[in-house]
Amino acid sequence: MPEIEITDECRALIAAEFPSDDTGQRMASGKWQIQIDEVTWQMLHKARRPGESVSDCIIRVIIIIQHKRGLL
């Protein structure tokens, strides 16, 4: 499974949207390393804008989803 490094903010938003027992591993940099499946990895690469971090992409996508659901 691919691994990604994400920020605290991104991790908190993921945990709120997709409850899971997998908390990942905190890195020395302060970021979190988590595993994702291959399909999610491919979707992230398609959704990412030039120069956008993985965390920023995930945050943007989750905010769009929440907005479409009327949660924001």
PDB file of N, CA and C in Angstrom:
ATOM      1  N   MET A   1       0.833  -1.187   0.000  1.00  0.00           N
ATOM      2  CA  MET A   1       0.000   0.000   0.000  1.00  0.00           C
ATOM      3  C   MET A   1       0.872   1.242   0.000  1.00  0.00           C
ATOM      4  N   PRO A   2       0.488   2.236  -0.769  1.00  0.00           N
ATOM      5  CA  PRO A   2       1.244   3.489  -0.758  1.00  0.00           C
ATOM      6  C   PRO A   2       1.121   4.193   0.593  1.00  0.00           C
ATOM      7  N   GLU A   3       2.157   4.936   0.950  1.00  0.00           N
ATOM      8  CA  GLU A   3       2.142   5.728   2.176  1.00  0.00           C
ATOM      9  C   GLU A   3       2.270   7.197   1.804  1.00  0.00           C
ATOM     10  N   ILE A   4       1.558   8.038   2.543  1.00  0.00           N
ATOM     11  CA  ILE A   4       1.637   9.477   2.333  1.00  0.00           C
ATOM     12  C   ILE A   4       1.930  10.155   3.662  1.00  0.00           C
ATOM     13  N   GLU A   5       2.506  11.354   3.591  1.00  0.00           N
ATOM     14  CA  GLU A   5       2.720  12.165   4.781  1.00  0.00           C
ATOM     15  C   GLU A   5       1.745  13.329   4.734  1.00  0.00           C
ATOM     16  N   ILE A   6       1.016  13.517   5.844  1.00  0.00           N
ATOM     17  CA  ILE A   6       0.003  14.563   5.907  1.00  0.00           C
ATOM     18  C   ILE A   6       0.176  15.399   7.173  1.00  0.00           C
ATOM     19  N   THR A   7      -0.408  16.586   7.165  1.00  0.00           N
ATOM     20  CA  THR A   7      -0.332  17.497   8.306  1.00  0.00           C
ATOM     21  C   THR A   7      -1.337  17.095   9.386  1.00  0.00           C
ATOM     22  N   ASP A   8      -1.171  17.695  10.574  1.00  0.00           N
ATOM     23  CA  ASP A   8      -2.124  17.469  11.667  1.00  0.00           C
ATOM     24  C   ASP A   8      -3.538  17.862  11.255  1.00  0.00           C
ATOM     25  N   GLU A   9      -3.664  19.003  10.576  1.00  0.00           N
ATOM     26  CA  GLU A   9      -4.976  19.490  10.154  1.00  0.00           C
ATOM     27  C   GLU A   9      -5.644  18.511   9.192  1.00  0.00           C
ATOM     28  N   CYS A  10      -4.876  18.010   8.272  1.00  0.00           N
ATOM     29  CA  CYS A  10      -5.401  17.051   7.304  1.00  0.00           C
ATOM     30  C   CYS A  10      -5.824  15.765   8.007  1.00  0.00           C
ATOM     31  N   ARG A  11      -5.002  15.301   8.916  1.00  0.00           N
ATOM     32  CA  ARG A  11      -5.312  14.075   9.667  1.00  0.00           C
ATOM     33  C   ARG A  11      -6.597  14.244  10.468  1.00  0.00           C
ATOM     34  N   ALA A  12      -6.773  15.395  11.109  1.00  0.00           N
ATOM     35  CA  ALA A  12      -7.976  15.652  11.899  1.00  0.00           C
ATOM     36  C   ALA A  12      -9.223  15.672  11.015  1.00  0.00           C
ATOM     37  N   LEU A  13      -9.117  16.276   9.844  1.00  0.00           N
ATOM     38  CA  LEU A  13     -10.251  16.336   8.927  1.00  0.00           C
ATOM     39  C   LEU A  13     -10.595  14.948   8.394  1.00  0.00           C
ATOM     40  N   ILE A  14      -9.592  14.159   8.067  1.00  0.00           N
ATOM     41  CA  ILE A  14      -9.821  12.782   7.617  1.00  0.00           C
ATOM     42  C   ILE A  14     -10.511  11.991   8.720  1.00  0.00           C
ATOM     43  N   ALA A  15     -10.038  12.119   9.962  1.00  0.00           N
ATOM     44  CA  ALA A  15     -10.616  11.381  11.092  1.00  0.00           C
ATOM     45  C   ALA A  15     -12.076  11.768  11.322  1.00  0.00           C
ATOM     46  N   ALA A  16     -12.400  13.042  11.104  1.00  0.00           N
ATOM     47  CA  ALA A  16     -13.778  13.496  11.284  1.00  0.00           C
ATOM     48  C   ALA A  16     -14.697  12.964  10.184  1.00  0.00           C
ATOM     49  N   GLU A  17     -14.173  12.848   8.985  1.00  0.00           N
ATOM     50  CA  GLU A  17     -14.978  12.420   7.838  1.00  0.00           C
ATOM     51  C   GLU A  17     -15.023  10.902   7.683  1.00  0.00           C
ATOM     52  N   PHE A  18     -13.917  10.244   7.996  1.00  0.00           N
ATOM     53  CA  PHE A  18     -13.799   8.800   7.804  1.00  0.00           C
ATOM     54  C   PHE A  18     -13.249   8.148   9.069  1.00  0.00           C
ATOM     55  N   PRO A  19     -14.089   7.912  10.072  1.00  0.00           N
ATOM     56  CA  PRO A  19     -13.590   7.300  11.314  1.00  0.00           C
ATOM     57  C   PRO A  19     -12.886   5.971  11.030  1.00  0.00           C
ATOM     58  N   SER A  20     -11.729   5.799  11.650  1.00  0.00           N
ATOM     59  CA  SER A  20     -10.917   4.599  11.431  1.00  0.00           C
ATOM     60  C   SER A  20     -10.041   4.360  12.650  1.00  0.00           C
ATOM     61  N   ASP A  21      -9.663   3.116  12.849  1.00  0.00           N
ATOM     62  CA  ASP A  21      -8.743   2.772  13.934  1.00  0.00           C
ATOM     63  C   ASP A  21      -7.301   3.057  13.544  1.00  0.00           C
ATOM     64  N   ASP A  22      -7.040   3.226  12.259  1.00  0.00           N
ATOM     65  CA  ASP A  22      -5.679   3.451  11.775  1.00  0.00           C
ATOM     66  C   ASP A  22      -5.302   4.915  11.969  1.00  0.00           C
ATOM     67  N   THR A  23      -4.439   5.175  12.935  1.00  0.00           N
ATOM     68  CA  THR A  23      -4.063   6.555  13.233  1.00  0.00           C
ATOM     69  C   THR A  23      -2.804   6.984  12.513  1.00  0.00           C
ATOM     70  N   GLY A  24      -2.087   6.057  11.937  1.00  0.00           N
ATOM     71  CA  GLY A  24      -0.842   6.389  11.275  1.00  0.00           C
ATOM     72  C   GLY A  24       0.295   6.522  12.266  1.00  0.00           C
ATOM     73  N   GLN A  25       1.405   7.008  11.770  1.00  0.00           N
ATOM     74  CA  GLN A  25       2.609   7.146  12.593  1.00  0.00           C
ATOM     75  C   GLN A  25       3.100   8.582  12.506  1.00  0.00           C
ATOM     76  N   ARG A  26       3.352   9.179  13.665  1.00  0.00           N
ATOM     77  CA  ARG A  26       3.858  10.559  13.698  1.00  0.00           C
ATOM     78  C   ARG A  26       5.338  10.548  13.346  1.00  0.00           C
ATOM     79  N   MET A  27       5.718  11.411  12.412  1.00  0.00           N
ATOM     80  CA  MET A  27       7.094  11.496  11.947  1.00  0.00           C
ATOM     81  C   MET A  27       7.850  12.572  12.731  1.00  0.00           C
ATOM     82  N   ALA A  28       9.163  12.555  12.644  1.00  0.00           N
ATOM     83  CA  ALA A  28       9.999  13.552  13.322  1.00  0.00           C
ATOM     84  C   ALA A  28       9.691  14.965  12.826  1.00  0.00           C
ATOM     85  N   SER A  29       9.221  15.079  11.593  1.00  0.00           N
ATOM     86  CA  SER A  29       8.891  16.381  11.003  1.00  0.00           C
ATOM     87  C   SER A  29       7.602  16.973  11.573  1.00  0.00           C
ATOM     88  N   GLY A  30       6.852  16.158  12.336  1.00  0.00           N
ATOM     89  CA  GLY A  30       5.568  16.599  12.872  1.00  0.00           C
ATOM     90  C   GLY A  30       4.395  16.177  12.012  1.00  0.00           C
ATOM     91  N   LYS A  31       4.688  15.679  10.820  1.00  0.00           N
ATOM     92  CA  LYS A  31       3.629  15.193   9.940  1.00  0.00           C
ATOM     93  C   LYS A  31       3.286  13.751  10.315  1.00  0.00           C
ATOM     94  N   TRP A  32       2.230  13.249   9.724  1.00  0.00           N
ATOM     95  CA  TRP A  32       1.774  11.883   9.964  1.00  0.00           C
ATOM     96  C   TRP A  32       1.975  11.058   8.708  1.00  0.00           C
ATOM     97  N   GLN A  33       2.413   9.831   8.871  1.00  0.00           N
ATOM     98  CA  GLN A  33       2.553   8.905   7.751  1.00  0.00           C
ATOM     99  C   GLN A  33       1.412   7.900   7.856  1.00  0.00           C
ATOM    100  N   ILE A  34       0.605   7.831   6.798  1.00  0.00           N
ATOM    101  CA  ILE A  34      -0.510   6.895   6.779  1.00  0.00           C
ATOM    102  C   ILE A  34      -0.484   6.095   5.486  1.00  0.00           C
ATOM    103  N   GLN A  35      -1.100   4.931   5.533  1.00  0.00           N
ATOM    104  CA  GLN A  35      -1.217   4.100   4.342  1.00  0.00           C
ATOM    105  C   GLN A  35      -2.565   4.356   3.685  1.00  0.00           C
ATOM    106  N   ILE A  36      -2.563   4.352   2.365  1.00  0.00           N
ATOM    107  CA  ILE A  36      -3.802   4.464   1.603  1.00  0.00           C
ATOM    108  C   ILE A  36      -3.798   3.381   0.533  1.00  0.00           C
ATOM    109  N   ASP A  37      -4.974   3.050   0.037  1.00  0.00           N
ATOM    110  CA  ASP A  37      -5.020   2.019  -1.000  1.00  0.00           C
ATOM    111  C   ASP A  37      -4.638   2.617  -2.355  1.00  0.00           C
ATOM    112  N   GLU A  38      -4.381   1.754  -3.290  1.00  0.00           N
ATOM    113  CA  GLU A  38      -3.897   2.166  -4.614  1.00  0.00           C
ATOM    114  C   GLU A  38      -4.912   3.039  -5.350  1.00  0.00           C
ATOM    115  N   VAL A  39      -6.198   2.720  -5.218  1.00  0.00           N
ATOM    116  CA  VAL A  39      -7.237   3.505  -5.893  1.00  0.00           C
ATOM    117  C   VAL A  39      -7.248   4.937  -5.356  1.00  0.00           C
ATOM    118  N   THR A  40      -7.149   5.086  -4.039  1.00  0.00           N
ATOM    119  CA  THR A  40      -7.114   6.415  -3.428  1.00  0.00           C
ATOM    120  C   THR A  40      -5.878   7.174  -3.884  1.00  0.00           C
ATOM    121  N   TRP A  41      -4.751   6.484  -3.956  1.00  0.00           N
ATOM    122  CA  TRP A  41      -3.493   7.081  -4.420  1.00  0.00           C
ATOM    123  C   TRP A  41      -3.652   7.642  -5.835  1.00  0.00           C
ATOM    124  N   GLN A  42      -4.253   6.862  -6.726  1.00  0.00           N
ATOM    125  CA  GLN A  42      -4.462   7.307  -8.105  1.00  0.00           C
ATOM    126  C   GLN A  42      -5.412   8.508  -8.165  1.00  0.00           C
ATOM    127  N   MET A  43      -6.475   8.472  -7.355  1.00  0.00           N
ATOM    128  CA  MET A  43      -7.429   9.581  -7.327  1.00  0.00           C
ATOM    129  C   MET A  43      -6.769  10.861  -6.821  1.00  0.00           C
ATOM    130  N   LEU A  44      -5.900  10.743  -5.816  1.00  0.00           N
ATOM    131  CA  LEU A  44      -5.187  11.913  -5.304  1.00  0.00           C
ATOM    132  C   LEU A  44      -4.302  12.533  -6.375  1.00  0.00           C
ATOM    133  N   HIS A  45      -3.613  11.682  -7.130  1.00  0.00           N
ATOM    134  CA  HIS A  45      -2.738  12.197  -8.186  1.00  0.00           C
ATOM    135  C   HIS A  45      -3.532  12.910  -9.274  1.00  0.00           C
ATOM    136  N   LYS A  46      -4.722  12.421  -9.573  1.00  0.00           N
ATOM    137  CA  LYS A  46      -5.563  13.076 -10.580  1.00  0.00           C
ATOM    138  C   LYS A  46      -6.127  14.397 -10.064  1.00  0.00           C
ATOM    139  N   ALA A  47      -6.433  14.452  -8.764  1.00  0.00           N
ATOM    140  CA  ALA A  47      -7.068  15.640  -8.185  1.00  0.00           C
ATOM    141  C   ALA A  47      -6.076  16.735  -7.809  1.00  0.00           C
ATOM    142  N   ARG A  48      -4.832  16.370  -7.606  1.00  0.00           N
ATOM    143  CA  ARG A  48      -3.824  17.338  -7.148  1.00  0.00           C
ATOM    144  C   ARG A  48      -3.538  18.395  -8.193  1.00  0.00           C
ATOM    145  N   ARG A  49      -3.485  19.626  -7.729  1.00  0.00           N
ATOM    146  CA  ARG A  49      -3.139  20.751  -8.596  1.00  0.00           C
ATOM    147  C   ARG A  49      -1.624  20.939  -8.589  1.00  0.00           C
ATOM    148  N   PRO A  50      -1.072  21.567  -9.627  1.00  0.00           N
ATOM    149  CA  PRO A  50       0.374  21.800  -9.653  1.00  0.00           C
ATOM    150  C   PRO A  50       0.832  22.562  -8.408  1.00  0.00           C
ATOM    151  N   GLY A  51       1.848  22.038  -7.759  1.00  0.00           N
ATOM    152  CA  GLY A  51       2.409  22.673  -6.572  1.00  0.00           C
ATOM    153  C   GLY A  51       1.632  22.434  -5.289  1.00  0.00           C
ATOM    154  N   GLU A  52       0.521  21.719  -5.370  1.00  0.00           N
ATOM    155  CA  GLU A  52      -0.316  21.469  -4.196  1.00  0.00           C
ATOM    156  C   GLU A  52       0.207  20.257  -3.431  1.00  0.00           C
ATOM    157  N   SER A  53       0.269  20.372  -2.115  1.00  0.00           N
ATOM    158  CA  SER A  53       0.701  19.235  -1.301  1.00  0.00           C
ATOM    159  C   SER A  53      -0.423  18.204  -1.233  1.00  0.00           C
ATOM    160  N   VAL A  54      -0.070  16.996  -0.852  1.00  0.00           N
ATOM    161  CA  VAL A  54      -1.075  15.945  -0.683  1.00  0.00           C
ATOM    162  C   VAL A  54      -2.087  16.378   0.374  1.00  0.00           C
ATOM    163  N   SER A  55      -1.596  16.942   1.484  1.00  0.00           N
ATOM    164  CA  SER A  55      -2.498  17.399   2.550  1.00  0.00           C
ATOM    165  C   SER A  55      -3.472  18.447   2.039  1.00  0.00           C
ATOM    166  N   ASP A  56      -2.973  19.434   1.313  1.00  0.00           N
ATOM    167  CA  ASP A  56      -3.842  20.490   0.794  1.00  0.00           C
ATOM    168  C   ASP A  56      -4.879  19.930  -0.173  1.00  0.00           C
ATOM    169  N   CYS A  57      -4.489  18.970  -0.972  1.00  0.00           N
ATOM    170  CA  CYS A  57      -5.415  18.334  -1.907  1.00  0.00           C
ATOM    171  C   CYS A  57      -6.523  17.604  -1.150  1.00  0.00           C
ATOM    172  N   ILE A  58      -6.147  16.830  -0.148  1.00  0.00           N
ATOM    173  CA  ILE A  58      -7.136  16.088   0.641  1.00  0.00           C
ATOM    174  C   ILE A  58      -8.089  17.053   1.337  1.00  0.00           C
ATOM    175  N   ILE A  59      -7.546  18.097   1.946  1.00  0.00           N
ATOM    176  CA  ILE A  59      -8.383  19.084   2.635  1.00  0.00           C
ATOM    177  C   ILE A  59      -9.359  19.727   1.653  1.00  0.00           C
ATOM    178  N   ARG A  60      -8.871  20.116   0.486  1.00  0.00           N
ATOM    179  CA  ARG A  60      -9.726  20.749  -0.533  1.00  0.00           C
ATOM    180  C   ARG A  60     -10.853  19.814  -0.961  1.00  0.00           C
ATOM    181  N   VAL A  61     -10.531  18.553  -1.223  1.00  0.00           N
ATOM    182  CA  VAL A  61     -11.534  17.588  -1.677  1.00  0.00           C
ATOM    183  C   VAL A  61     -12.578  17.336  -0.588  1.00  0.00           C
ATOM    184  N   ILE A  62     -12.146  17.180   0.654  1.00  0.00           N
ATOM    185  CA  ILE A  62     -13.104  16.941   1.742  1.00  0.00           C
ATOM    186  C   ILE A  62     -14.007  18.155   1.947  1.00  0.00           C
ATOM    187  N   ILE A  63     -13.458  19.354   1.861  1.00  0.00           N
ATOM    188  CA  ILE A  63     -14.282  20.562   2.002  1.00  0.00           C
ATOM    189  C   ILE A  63     -15.327  20.629   0.884  1.00  0.00           C
ATOM    190  N   ILE A  64     -14.938  20.298  -0.335  1.00  0.00           N
ATOM    191  CA  ILE A  64     -15.889  20.284  -1.454  1.00  0.00           C
ATOM    192  C   ILE A  64     -16.990  19.266  -1.195  1.00  0.00           C
ATOM    193  N   ILE A  65     -16.621  18.078  -0.739  1.00  0.00           N
ATOM    194  CA  ILE A  65     -17.610  17.034  -0.442  1.00  0.00           C
ATOM    195  C   ILE A  65     -18.574  17.507   0.643  1.00  0.00           C
ATOM    196  N   GLN A  66     -18.042  18.085   1.717  1.00  0.00           N
ATOM    197  CA  GLN A  66     -18.895  18.563   2.804  1.00  0.00           C
ATOM    198  C   GLN A  66     -19.812  19.690   2.324  1.00  0.00           C
ATOM    199  N   HIS A  67     -19.299  20.560   1.482  1.00  0.00           N
ATOM    200  CA  HIS A  67     -20.121  21.651   0.947  1.00  0.00           C
ATOM    201  C   HIS A  67     -21.265  21.091   0.112  1.00  0.00           C
ATOM    202  N   LYS A  68     -20.980  20.115  -0.733  1.00  0.00           N
ATOM    203  CA  LYS A  68     -22.020  19.515  -1.575  1.00  0.00           C
ATOM    204  C   LYS A  68     -23.076  18.803  -0.742  1.00  0.00           C
ATOM    205  N   ARG A  69     -22.683  18.291   0.420  1.00  0.00           N
ATOM    206  CA  ARG A  69     -23.635  17.626   1.320  1.00  0.00           C
ATOM    207  C   ARG A  69     -24.410  18.625   2.172  1.00  0.00           C
ATOM    208  N   GLY A  70     -24.068  19.899   2.049  1.00  0.00           N
ATOM    209  CA  GLY A  70     -24.731  20.928   2.836  1.00  0.00           C
ATOM    210  C   GLY A  70     -24.223  21.030   4.260  1.00  0.00           C
ATOM    211  N   LEU A  71     -23.044  20.481   4.509  1.00  0.00           N
ATOM    212  CA  LEU A  71     -22.478  20.505   5.854  1.00  0.00           C
ATOM    213  C   LEU A  71     -21.685  21.768   6.127  1.00  0.00           C
ATOM    214  N   LEU A  72     -21.376  22.533   5.099  1.00  0.00           N
ATOM    215  CA  LEU A  72     -20.639  23.794   5.271  1.00  0.00           C
ATOM    216  C   LEU A  72     -21.459  24.951   4.757  1.00  0.00           C
TER     217      LEU A  72
END
